[in-house]
Amino acid sequence: PDPWQILLELPLIQGNKNMTAICRASQSQLFGICRLSKIALGTATLHTDWHRDGIAAKADGDIVKSERAFGKVTDALASFEIVQDDIRSNAPAEVVREMEEHLRKEQRRLSDRGEAERGRPRSWPDINARASENPVEHMLVELWVRFPPVLRVRRRELNAAHHIPGLMFFRNEATAKFIRWVLQKNDSDLAPKNMEKIRQRLGLIQVGDSKCMIWDFEITEAADGSSNLRPTFRLEK
């Protein structure tokens, strides 16, 4: 369900540009969650969404490109044990035979490459458990709308974080600065421009520079080793 779309269709929200911008930015978190789910399933990467590409190619009449894209999706989903069991239990016999033949070919292909282990049925992925593989992407999506009361990430503890607006209110420079602080890295990959590209590929939409954006912030260390964040706002003029 998408509660934000319900709000966006209300006359009260439609007549208020600021509220509309906030609801659209909040709604975009759902797009980010969907993208991370597809990445975990193997049906997409940060740069490519094969299911979406397949639909677009089919609409354009490019059958070859469409079948190639949907084939990527099928191959990824068919590698999961739960999907294989469901097909064997509920699908027509012809579909089951096609799947079994496909799995045998894939197993032979991987064995020839010395990667037979990859041909074994996989468990359904836990998206949160894979956060360490894509920490920046997961952090952006998780904290996009709001912060938890206490944020604990990689030995960092941020107090009263629930008083801080979500990252959708941060400008790119502030977002990059925050991610660098949490991950304790100062890599060029975490520069504002790169952070903007990652955000866009996840489908995350900012509220907008003119709408109470967090322009910058200061981190102060508490006596107990935890930290406090004091934001600097740019209020709408």
C-alpha atoms as a PDB file:
ATOM      1  CA  PRO A   1       0.000   0.000   0.000  1.00  0.00           C
ATOM      2  CA  ASP A   2       1.079   3.557  -0.726  1.00  0.00           C
ATOM      3  CA  PRO A   3      -0.382   5.932   1.897  1.00  0.00           C
ATOM      4  CA  TRP A   4       1.486   8.866   0.384  1.00  0.00           C
ATOM      5  CA  GLN A   5      -0.463   8.623  -2.869  1.00  0.00           C
ATOM      6  CA  ILE A   6      -3.704   8.837  -0.902  1.00  0.00           C
ATOM      7  CA  LEU A   7      -2.444  12.027   0.753  1.00  0.00           C
ATOM      8  CA  LEU A   8      -1.239  13.449  -2.574  1.00  0.00           C
ATOM      9  CA  GLU A   9      -4.751  13.112  -3.995  1.00  0.00           C
ATOM     10  CA  LEU A  10      -6.359  15.101  -1.160  1.00  0.00           C
ATOM     11  CA  PRO A  11      -7.417  18.657  -2.150  1.00  0.00           C
ATOM     12  CA  LEU A  12      -5.830  19.975   1.055  1.00  0.00           C
ATOM     13  CA  ILE A  13      -2.413  18.627  -0.007  1.00  0.00           C
ATOM     14  CA  GLN A  14      -2.775  19.489  -3.693  1.00  0.00           C
ATOM     15  CA  GLY A  15      -3.340  23.108  -2.760  1.00  0.00           C
ATOM     16  CA  ASN A  16      -0.137  23.310  -0.731  1.00  0.00           C
ATOM     17  CA  LYS A  17       3.139  23.142  -2.675  1.00  0.00           C
ATOM     18  CA  ASN A  18       5.256  22.500   0.415  1.00  0.00           C
ATOM     19  CA  MET A  19       3.092  19.618   1.632  1.00  0.00           C
ATOM     20  CA  THR A  20       3.010  18.152  -1.882  1.00  0.00           C
ATOM     21  CA  ALA A  21       6.811  18.262  -2.050  1.00  0.00           C
ATOM     22  CA  ILE A  22       7.118  16.586   1.360  1.00  0.00           C
ATOM     23  CA  CYS A  23       4.645  13.832   0.454  1.00  0.00           C
ATOM     24  CA  ARG A  24       6.368  13.142  -2.892  1.00  0.00           C
ATOM     25  CA  ALA A  25       9.758  12.966  -1.208  1.00  0.00           C
ATOM     26  CA  SER A  26       8.353  10.600   1.435  1.00  0.00           C
ATOM     27  CA  GLN A  27       6.700   8.466  -1.234  1.00  0.00           C
ATOM     28  CA  SER A  28      10.029   8.063  -3.027  1.00  0.00           C
ATOM     29  CA  GLN A  29      11.326   5.992  -0.086  1.00  0.00           C
ATOM     30  CA  LEU A  30       9.047   3.221  -1.353  1.00  0.00           C
ATOM     31  CA  PHE A  31      10.846   3.357  -4.709  1.00  0.00           C
ATOM     32  CA  GLY A  32      14.166   3.021  -2.877  1.00  0.00           C
ATOM     33  CA  ILE A  33      12.941   0.028  -0.876  1.00  0.00           C
ATOM     34  CA  CYS A  34      11.710  -1.592  -4.080  1.00  0.00           C
ATOM     35  CA  ARG A  35      15.076  -1.035  -5.782  1.00  0.00           C
ATOM     36  CA  LEU A  36      17.025  -2.518  -2.855  1.00  0.00           C
ATOM     37  CA  SER A  37      14.656  -5.511  -2.888  1.00  0.00           C
ATOM     38  CA  LYS A  38      15.299  -6.084  -6.585  1.00  0.00           C
ATOM     39  CA  ILE A  39      19.062  -5.791  -6.054  1.00  0.00           C
ATOM     40  CA  ALA A  40      18.861  -8.414  -3.294  1.00  0.00           C
ATOM     41  CA  LEU A  41      16.862 -10.706  -5.593  1.00  0.00           C
ATOM     42  CA  GLY A  42      19.314 -10.211  -8.447  1.00  0.00           C
ATOM     43  CA  THR A  43      16.723  -8.758 -10.819  1.00  0.00           C
ATOM     44  CA  ALA A  44      18.353  -5.323 -10.780  1.00  0.00           C
ATOM     45  CA  THR A  45      21.530  -3.450  -9.956  1.00  0.00           C
ATOM     46  CA  LEU A  46      21.996   0.153  -8.940  1.00  0.00           C
ATOM     47  CA  HIS A  47      22.385   0.963 -12.648  1.00  0.00           C
ATOM     48  CA  THR A  48      19.938  -1.461 -14.299  1.00  0.00           C
ATOM     49  CA  ASP A  49      16.414  -2.726 -13.615  1.00  0.00           C
ATOM     50  CA  TRP A  50      15.828  -5.661 -15.975  1.00  0.00           C
ATOM     51  CA  HIS A  51      12.119  -5.955 -15.228  1.00  0.00           C
ATOM     52  CA  ARG A  52      11.539  -2.284 -16.018  1.00  0.00           C
ATOM     53  CA  ASP A  53      13.784  -2.538 -19.084  1.00  0.00           C
ATOM     54  CA  GLY A  54      11.802  -5.534 -20.304  1.00  0.00           C
ATOM     55  CA  ILE A  55       8.495  -3.695 -19.984  1.00  0.00           C
ATOM     56  CA  ALA A  56       9.887  -0.644 -21.788  1.00  0.00           C
ATOM     57  CA  ALA A  57      11.357  -2.752 -24.598  1.00  0.00           C
ATOM     58  CA  LYS A  58       8.085  -4.643 -25.043  1.00  0.00           C
ATOM     59  CA  ALA A  59       6.177  -1.355 -25.265  1.00  0.00           C
ATOM     60  CA  ASP A  60       8.626  -0.213 -27.956  1.00  0.00           C
ATOM     61  CA  GLY A  61       8.155  -3.452 -29.883  1.00  0.00           C
ATOM     62  CA  ASP A  62      11.743  -4.622 -29.320  1.00  0.00           C
ATOM     63  CA  ILE A  63      10.991  -8.295 -28.682  1.00  0.00           C
ATOM     64  CA  VAL A  64      14.642  -9.390 -28.615  1.00  0.00           C
ATOM     65  CA  LYS A  65      15.620  -6.844 -25.969  1.00  0.00           C
ATOM     66  CA  SER A  66      12.448  -7.549 -24.016  1.00  0.00           C
ATOM     67  CA  GLU A  67      13.023 -11.312 -23.926  1.00  0.00           C
ATOM     68  CA  ARG A  68      16.665 -10.795 -22.937  1.00  0.00           C
ATOM     69  CA  ALA A  69      15.671  -8.544 -20.030  1.00  0.00           C
ATOM     70  CA  PHE A  70      12.863 -10.793 -18.815  1.00  0.00           C
ATOM     71  CA  GLY A  71      15.231 -13.751 -19.153  1.00  0.00           C
ATOM     72  CA  LYS A  72      17.541 -12.059 -16.635  1.00  0.00           C
ATOM     73  CA  VAL A  73      14.619 -11.731 -14.218  1.00  0.00           C
ATOM     74  CA  THR A  74      13.566 -15.344 -14.722  1.00  0.00           C
ATOM     75  CA  ASP A  75      17.104 -16.660 -14.231  1.00  0.00           C
ATOM     76  CA  ALA A  76      17.477 -14.707 -10.995  1.00  0.00           C
ATOM     77  CA  LEU A  77      14.151 -15.767  -9.483  1.00  0.00           C
ATOM     78  CA  ALA A  78      14.493 -19.404 -10.592  1.00  0.00           C
ATOM     79  CA  SER A  79      17.695 -19.689  -8.546  1.00  0.00           C
ATOM     80  CA  PHE A  80      15.765 -19.490  -5.261  1.00  0.00           C
ATOM     81  CA  GLU A  81      14.717 -22.710  -3.576  1.00  0.00           C
ATOM     82  CA  ILE A  82      11.314 -21.347  -2.533  1.00  0.00           C
ATOM     83  CA  VAL A  83      10.501 -20.422  -6.145  1.00  0.00           C
ATOM     84  CA  GLN A  84      11.597 -23.828  -7.461  1.00  0.00           C
ATOM     85  CA  ASP A  85       9.471 -25.609  -4.835  1.00  0.00           C
ATOM     86  CA  ASP A  86       6.442 -23.471  -5.654  1.00  0.00           C
ATOM     87  CA  ILE A  87       6.744 -24.148  -9.392  1.00  0.00           C
ATOM     88  CA  ARG A  88       7.133 -27.889  -8.825  1.00  0.00           C
ATOM     89  CA  SER A  89       4.036 -27.926  -6.596  1.00  0.00           C
ATOM     90  CA  ASN A  90       1.691 -25.638  -8.510  1.00  0.00           C
ATOM     91  CA  ALA A  91       2.810 -25.050 -12.097  1.00  0.00           C
ATOM     92  CA  PRO A  92       1.702 -27.105 -15.134  1.00  0.00           C
ATOM     93  CA  ALA A  93       3.910 -30.079 -16.009  1.00  0.00           C
ATOM     94  CA  GLU A  94       5.256 -28.320 -19.112  1.00  0.00           C
ATOM     95  CA  VAL A  95       6.458 -25.340 -17.052  1.00  0.00           C
ATOM     96  CA  VAL A  96       8.102 -27.662 -14.526  1.00  0.00           C
ATOM     97  CA  ARG A  97       9.950 -29.499 -17.325  1.00  0.00           C
ATOM     98  CA  GLU A  98      11.176 -26.205 -18.794  1.00  0.00           C
ATOM     99  CA  MET A  99      12.435 -25.079 -15.387  1.00  0.00           C
ATOM    100  CA  GLU A 100      14.232 -28.348 -14.671  1.00  0.00           C
ATOM    101  CA  GLU A 101      15.907 -28.258 -18.086  1.00  0.00           C
ATOM    102  CA  HIS A 102      16.943 -24.656 -17.536  1.00  0.00           C
ATOM    103  CA  LEU A 103      18.401 -25.502 -14.107  1.00  0.00           C
ATOM    104  CA  ARG A 104      20.373 -28.426 -15.533  1.00  0.00           C
ATOM    105  CA  LYS A 105      21.844 -26.240 -18.291  1.00  0.00           C
ATOM    106  CA  GLU A 106      22.735 -23.529 -15.813  1.00  0.00           C
ATOM    107  CA  GLN A 107      24.373 -26.075 -13.500  1.00  0.00           C
ATOM    108  CA  ARG A 108      26.470 -27.463 -16.366  1.00  0.00           C
ATOM    109  CA  ARG A 109      27.472 -23.961 -17.433  1.00  0.00           C
ATOM    110  CA  LEU A 110      28.608 -23.025 -13.937  1.00  0.00           C
ATOM    111  CA  SER A 111      30.401 -26.352 -13.459  1.00  0.00           C
ATOM    112  CA  ASP A 112      32.371 -25.794 -16.658  1.00  0.00           C
ATOM    113  CA  ARG A 113      33.483 -22.444 -15.231  1.00  0.00           C
ATOM    114  CA  GLY A 114      34.445 -23.978 -11.891  1.00  0.00           C
ATOM    115  CA  GLU A 115      31.519 -22.258 -10.141  1.00  0.00           C
ATOM    116  CA  ALA A 116      29.298 -25.241  -9.399  1.00  0.00           C
ATOM    117  CA  GLU A 117      28.570 -23.901  -5.900  1.00  0.00           C
ATOM    118  CA  ARG A 118      26.664 -20.997  -7.443  1.00  0.00           C
ATOM    119  CA  GLY A 119      24.277 -23.435  -9.101  1.00  0.00           C
ATOM    120  CA  ARG A 120      22.809 -24.622  -5.810  1.00  0.00           C
ATOM    121  CA  PRO A 121      19.326 -23.336  -4.849  1.00  0.00           C
ATOM    122  CA  ARG A 122      19.552 -20.132  -2.855  1.00  0.00           C
ATOM    123  CA  SER A 123      17.623 -19.060   0.231  1.00  0.00           C
ATOM    124  CA  TRP A 124      15.263 -16.109  -0.075  1.00  0.00           C
ATOM    125  CA  PRO A 125      17.341 -13.000   0.716  1.00  0.00           C
ATOM    126  CA  ASP A 126      17.020 -10.852   3.813  1.00  0.00           C
ATOM    127  CA  ILE A 127      17.329  -7.274   2.556  1.00  0.00           C
ATOM    128  CA  ASN A 128      18.442  -5.886   5.919  1.00  0.00           C
ATOM    129  CA  ALA A 129      21.078  -8.598   6.282  1.00  0.00           C
ATOM    130  CA  ARG A 130      22.660  -7.394   3.047  1.00  0.00           C
ATOM    131  CA  ALA A 131      23.063  -3.807   4.240  1.00  0.00           C
ATOM    132  CA  SER A 132      26.814  -4.336   4.694  1.00  0.00           C
ATOM    133  CA  GLU A 133      27.157  -4.981   0.938  1.00  0.00           C
ATOM    134  CA  ASN A 134      25.634  -1.613  -0.003  1.00  0.00           C
ATOM    135  CA  PRO A 135      25.884   0.490   3.178  1.00  0.00           C
ATOM    136  CA  VAL A 136      25.436   3.877   1.512  1.00  0.00           C
ATOM    137  CA  GLU A 137      22.346   2.831  -0.444  1.00  0.00           C
ATOM    138  CA  HIS A 138      20.721   1.154   2.565  1.00  0.00           C
ATOM    139  CA  MET A 139      21.449   4.125   4.825  1.00  0.00           C
ATOM    140  CA  LEU A 140      19.952   6.588   2.353  1.00  0.00           C
ATOM    141  CA  VAL A 141      16.747   4.578   2.019  1.00  0.00           C
ATOM    142  CA  GLU A 142      16.379   3.715   5.707  1.00  0.00           C
ATOM    143  CA  LEU A 143      16.886   7.287   6.935  1.00  0.00           C
ATOM    144  CA  TRP A 144      15.174   9.058   4.045  1.00  0.00           C
ATOM    145  CA  VAL A 145      11.933   9.987   5.850  1.00  0.00           C
ATOM    146  CA  ARG A 146      12.892   9.932   9.536  1.00  0.00           C
ATOM    147  CA  PHE A 147      15.643   8.975  11.963  1.00  0.00           C
ATOM    148  CA  PRO A 148      15.167   6.453  14.814  1.00  0.00           C
ATOM    149  CA  PRO A 149      15.302   7.700  18.455  1.00  0.00           C
ATOM    150  CA  VAL A 150      18.903   6.511  18.707  1.00  0.00           C
ATOM    151  CA  LEU A 151      20.921   5.740  15.594  1.00  0.00           C
ATOM    152  CA  ARG A 152      23.628   3.102  16.013  1.00  0.00           C
ATOM    153  CA  VAL A 153      25.761   2.374  12.966  1.00  0.00           C
ATOM    154  CA  ARG A 154      29.310   1.016  12.905  1.00  0.00           C
ATOM    155  CA  ARG A 155      30.195   2.004  16.472  1.00  0.00           C
ATOM    156  CA  ARG A 156      28.616   5.399  15.959  1.00  0.00           C
ATOM    157  CA  GLU A 157      25.746   6.357  18.275  1.00  0.00           C
ATOM    158  CA  LEU A 158      23.664   9.444  17.574  1.00  0.00           C
ATOM    159  CA  ASN A 159      21.394  10.641  20.398  1.00  0.00           C
ATOM    160  CA  ALA A 160      17.918  12.155  19.978  1.00  0.00           C
ATOM    161  CA  ALA A 161      18.103  11.368  16.276  1.00  0.00           C
ATOM    162  CA  HIS A 162      14.293  11.372  16.033  1.00  0.00           C
ATOM    163  CA  HIS A 163      14.411  15.175  16.358  1.00  0.00           C
ATOM    164  CA  ILE A 164      16.373  15.354  13.105  1.00  0.00           C
ATOM    165  CA  PRO A 165      14.346  15.496   9.859  1.00  0.00           C
ATOM    166  CA  GLY A 166      14.999  12.636   7.446  1.00  0.00           C
ATOM    167  CA  LEU A 167      17.684  12.787   4.770  1.00  0.00           C
ATOM    168  CA  MET A 168      15.082  13.922   2.262  1.00  0.00           C
ATOM    169  CA  PHE A 169      15.488  17.354   3.883  1.00  0.00           C
ATOM    170  CA  PHE A 170      19.306  17.320   3.570  1.00  0.00           C
ATOM    171  CA  ARG A 171      21.000  18.984   0.637  1.00  0.00           C
ATOM    172  CA  ASN A 172      23.533  16.799  -1.215  1.00  0.00           C
ATOM    173  CA  GLU A 173      26.548  18.297   0.572  1.00  0.00           C
ATOM    174  CA  ALA A 174      25.018  17.683   4.008  1.00  0.00           C
ATOM    175  CA  THR A 175      23.991  14.138   3.066  1.00  0.00           C
ATOM    176  CA  ALA A 176      27.502  13.317   1.850  1.00  0.00           C
ATOM    177  CA  LYS A 177      29.001  14.809   5.021  1.00  0.00           C
ATOM    178  CA  PHE A 178      26.666  12.726   7.206  1.00  0.00           C
ATOM    179  CA  ILE A 179      27.390   9.472   5.352  1.00  0.00           C
ATOM    180  CA  ARG A 180      31.138  10.107   5.584  1.00  0.00           C
ATOM    181  CA  TRP A 181      30.818  10.696   9.327  1.00  0.00           C
ATOM    182  CA  VAL A 182      28.824   7.519   9.928  1.00  0.00           C
ATOM    183  CA  LEU A 183      31.045   5.302   7.767  1.00  0.00           C
ATOM    184  CA  GLN A 184      34.201   7.056   8.987  1.00  0.00           C
ATOM    185  CA  LYS A 185      35.395   7.436   5.411  1.00  0.00           C
ATOM    186  CA  ASN A 186      36.413  10.390   3.291  1.00  0.00           C
ATOM    187  CA  ASP A 187      36.440   8.639  -0.093  1.00  0.00           C
ATOM    188  CA  SER A 188      35.826  10.524  -3.325  1.00  0.00           C
ATOM    189  CA  ASP A 189      32.992   8.033  -3.922  1.00  0.00           C
ATOM    190  CA  LEU A 190      31.131   9.790  -1.104  1.00  0.00           C
ATOM    191  CA  ALA A 191      31.411  13.247  -2.674  1.00  0.00           C
ATOM    192  CA  PRO A 192      28.164  15.243  -3.022  1.00  0.00           C
ATOM    193  CA  LYS A 193      27.924  14.667  -6.799  1.00  0.00           C
ATOM    194  CA  ASN A 194      28.254  10.905  -6.410  1.00  0.00           C
ATOM    195  CA  MET A 195      25.781  10.938  -3.551  1.00  0.00           C
ATOM    196  CA  GLU A 196      23.318  12.721  -5.818  1.00  0.00           C
ATOM    197  CA  LYS A 197      23.733  10.049  -8.510  1.00  0.00           C
ATOM    198  CA  ILE A 198      23.173   7.233  -6.009  1.00  0.00           C
ATOM    199  CA  ARG A 199      20.078   8.982  -4.681  1.00  0.00           C
ATOM    200  CA  GLN A 200      18.654   9.432  -8.170  1.00  0.00           C
ATOM    201  CA  ARG A 201      19.304   5.808  -9.140  1.00  0.00           C
ATOM    202  CA  LEU A 202      17.426   4.684  -6.045  1.00  0.00           C
ATOM    203  CA  GLY A 203      14.510   6.905  -7.070  1.00  0.00           C
ATOM    204  CA  LEU A 204      14.802   9.077  -3.946  1.00  0.00           C
ATOM    205  CA  ILE A 205      13.421  12.612  -4.328  1.00  0.00           C
ATOM    206  CA  GLN A 206      14.536  15.512  -2.155  1.00  0.00           C
ATOM    207  CA  VAL A 207      12.056  17.984  -0.700  1.00  0.00           C
ATOM    208  CA  GLY A 208      13.877  20.866  -2.403  1.00  0.00           C
ATOM    209  CA  ASP A 209      16.445  23.525  -1.522  1.00  0.00           C
ATOM    210  CA  SER A 210      13.890  26.229  -0.802  1.00  0.00           C
ATOM    211  CA  LYS A 211      11.823  24.193   1.660  1.00  0.00           C
ATOM    212  CA  CYS A 212      13.476  24.119   5.048  1.00  0.00           C
ATOM    213  CA  MET A 213      16.533  22.177   3.882  1.00  0.00           C
ATOM    214  CA  ILE A 214      19.276  21.153   6.292  1.00  0.00           C
ATOM    215  CA  TRP A 215      22.176  23.102   4.861  1.00  0.00           C
ATOM    216  CA  ASP A 216      24.878  21.828   7.211  1.00  0.00           C
ATOM    217  CA  PHE A 217      25.324  20.393  10.704  1.00  0.00           C
ATOM    218  CA  GLU A 218      27.739  20.102  13.601  1.00  0.00           C
ATOM    219  CA  ILE A 219      28.553  16.930  15.521  1.00  0.00           C
ATOM    220  CA  THR A 220      29.361  17.196  19.220  1.00  0.00           C
ATOM    221  CA  GLU A 221      30.673  14.284  21.271  1.00  0.00           C
ATOM    222  CA  ALA A 222      29.005  13.518  24.613  1.00  0.00           C
ATOM    223  CA  ALA A 223      30.836  12.348  27.732  1.00  0.00           C
ATOM    224  CA  ASP A 224      29.421   8.826  27.363  1.00  0.00           C
ATOM    225  CA  GLY A 225      30.958   8.468  23.896  1.00  0.00           C
ATOM    226  CA  SER A 226      27.730   9.102  22.009  1.00  0.00           C
ATOM    227  CA  SER A 227      27.203  12.039  19.651  1.00  0.00           C
ATOM    228  CA  ASN A 228      24.695  14.792  19.046  1.00  0.00           C
ATOM    229  CA  LEU A 229      23.891  16.424  15.718  1.00  0.00           C
ATOM    230  CA  ARG A 230      22.916  20.089  15.519  1.00  0.00           C
ATOM    231  CA  PRO A 231      21.553  20.992  12.073  1.00  0.00           C
ATOM    232  CA  THR A 232      21.755  24.345  10.314  1.00  0.00           C
ATOM    233  CA  PHE A 233      18.535  25.079   8.441  1.00  0.00           C
ATOM    234  CA  ARG A 234      17.893  27.168   5.369  1.00  0.00           C
ATOM    235  CA  LEU A 235      14.333  28.388   5.820  1.00  0.00           C
ATOM    236  CA  GLU A 236      12.107  29.176   2.880  1.00  0.00           C
ATOM    237  CA  LYS A 237      12.102  32.866   2.077  1.00  0.00           C
END
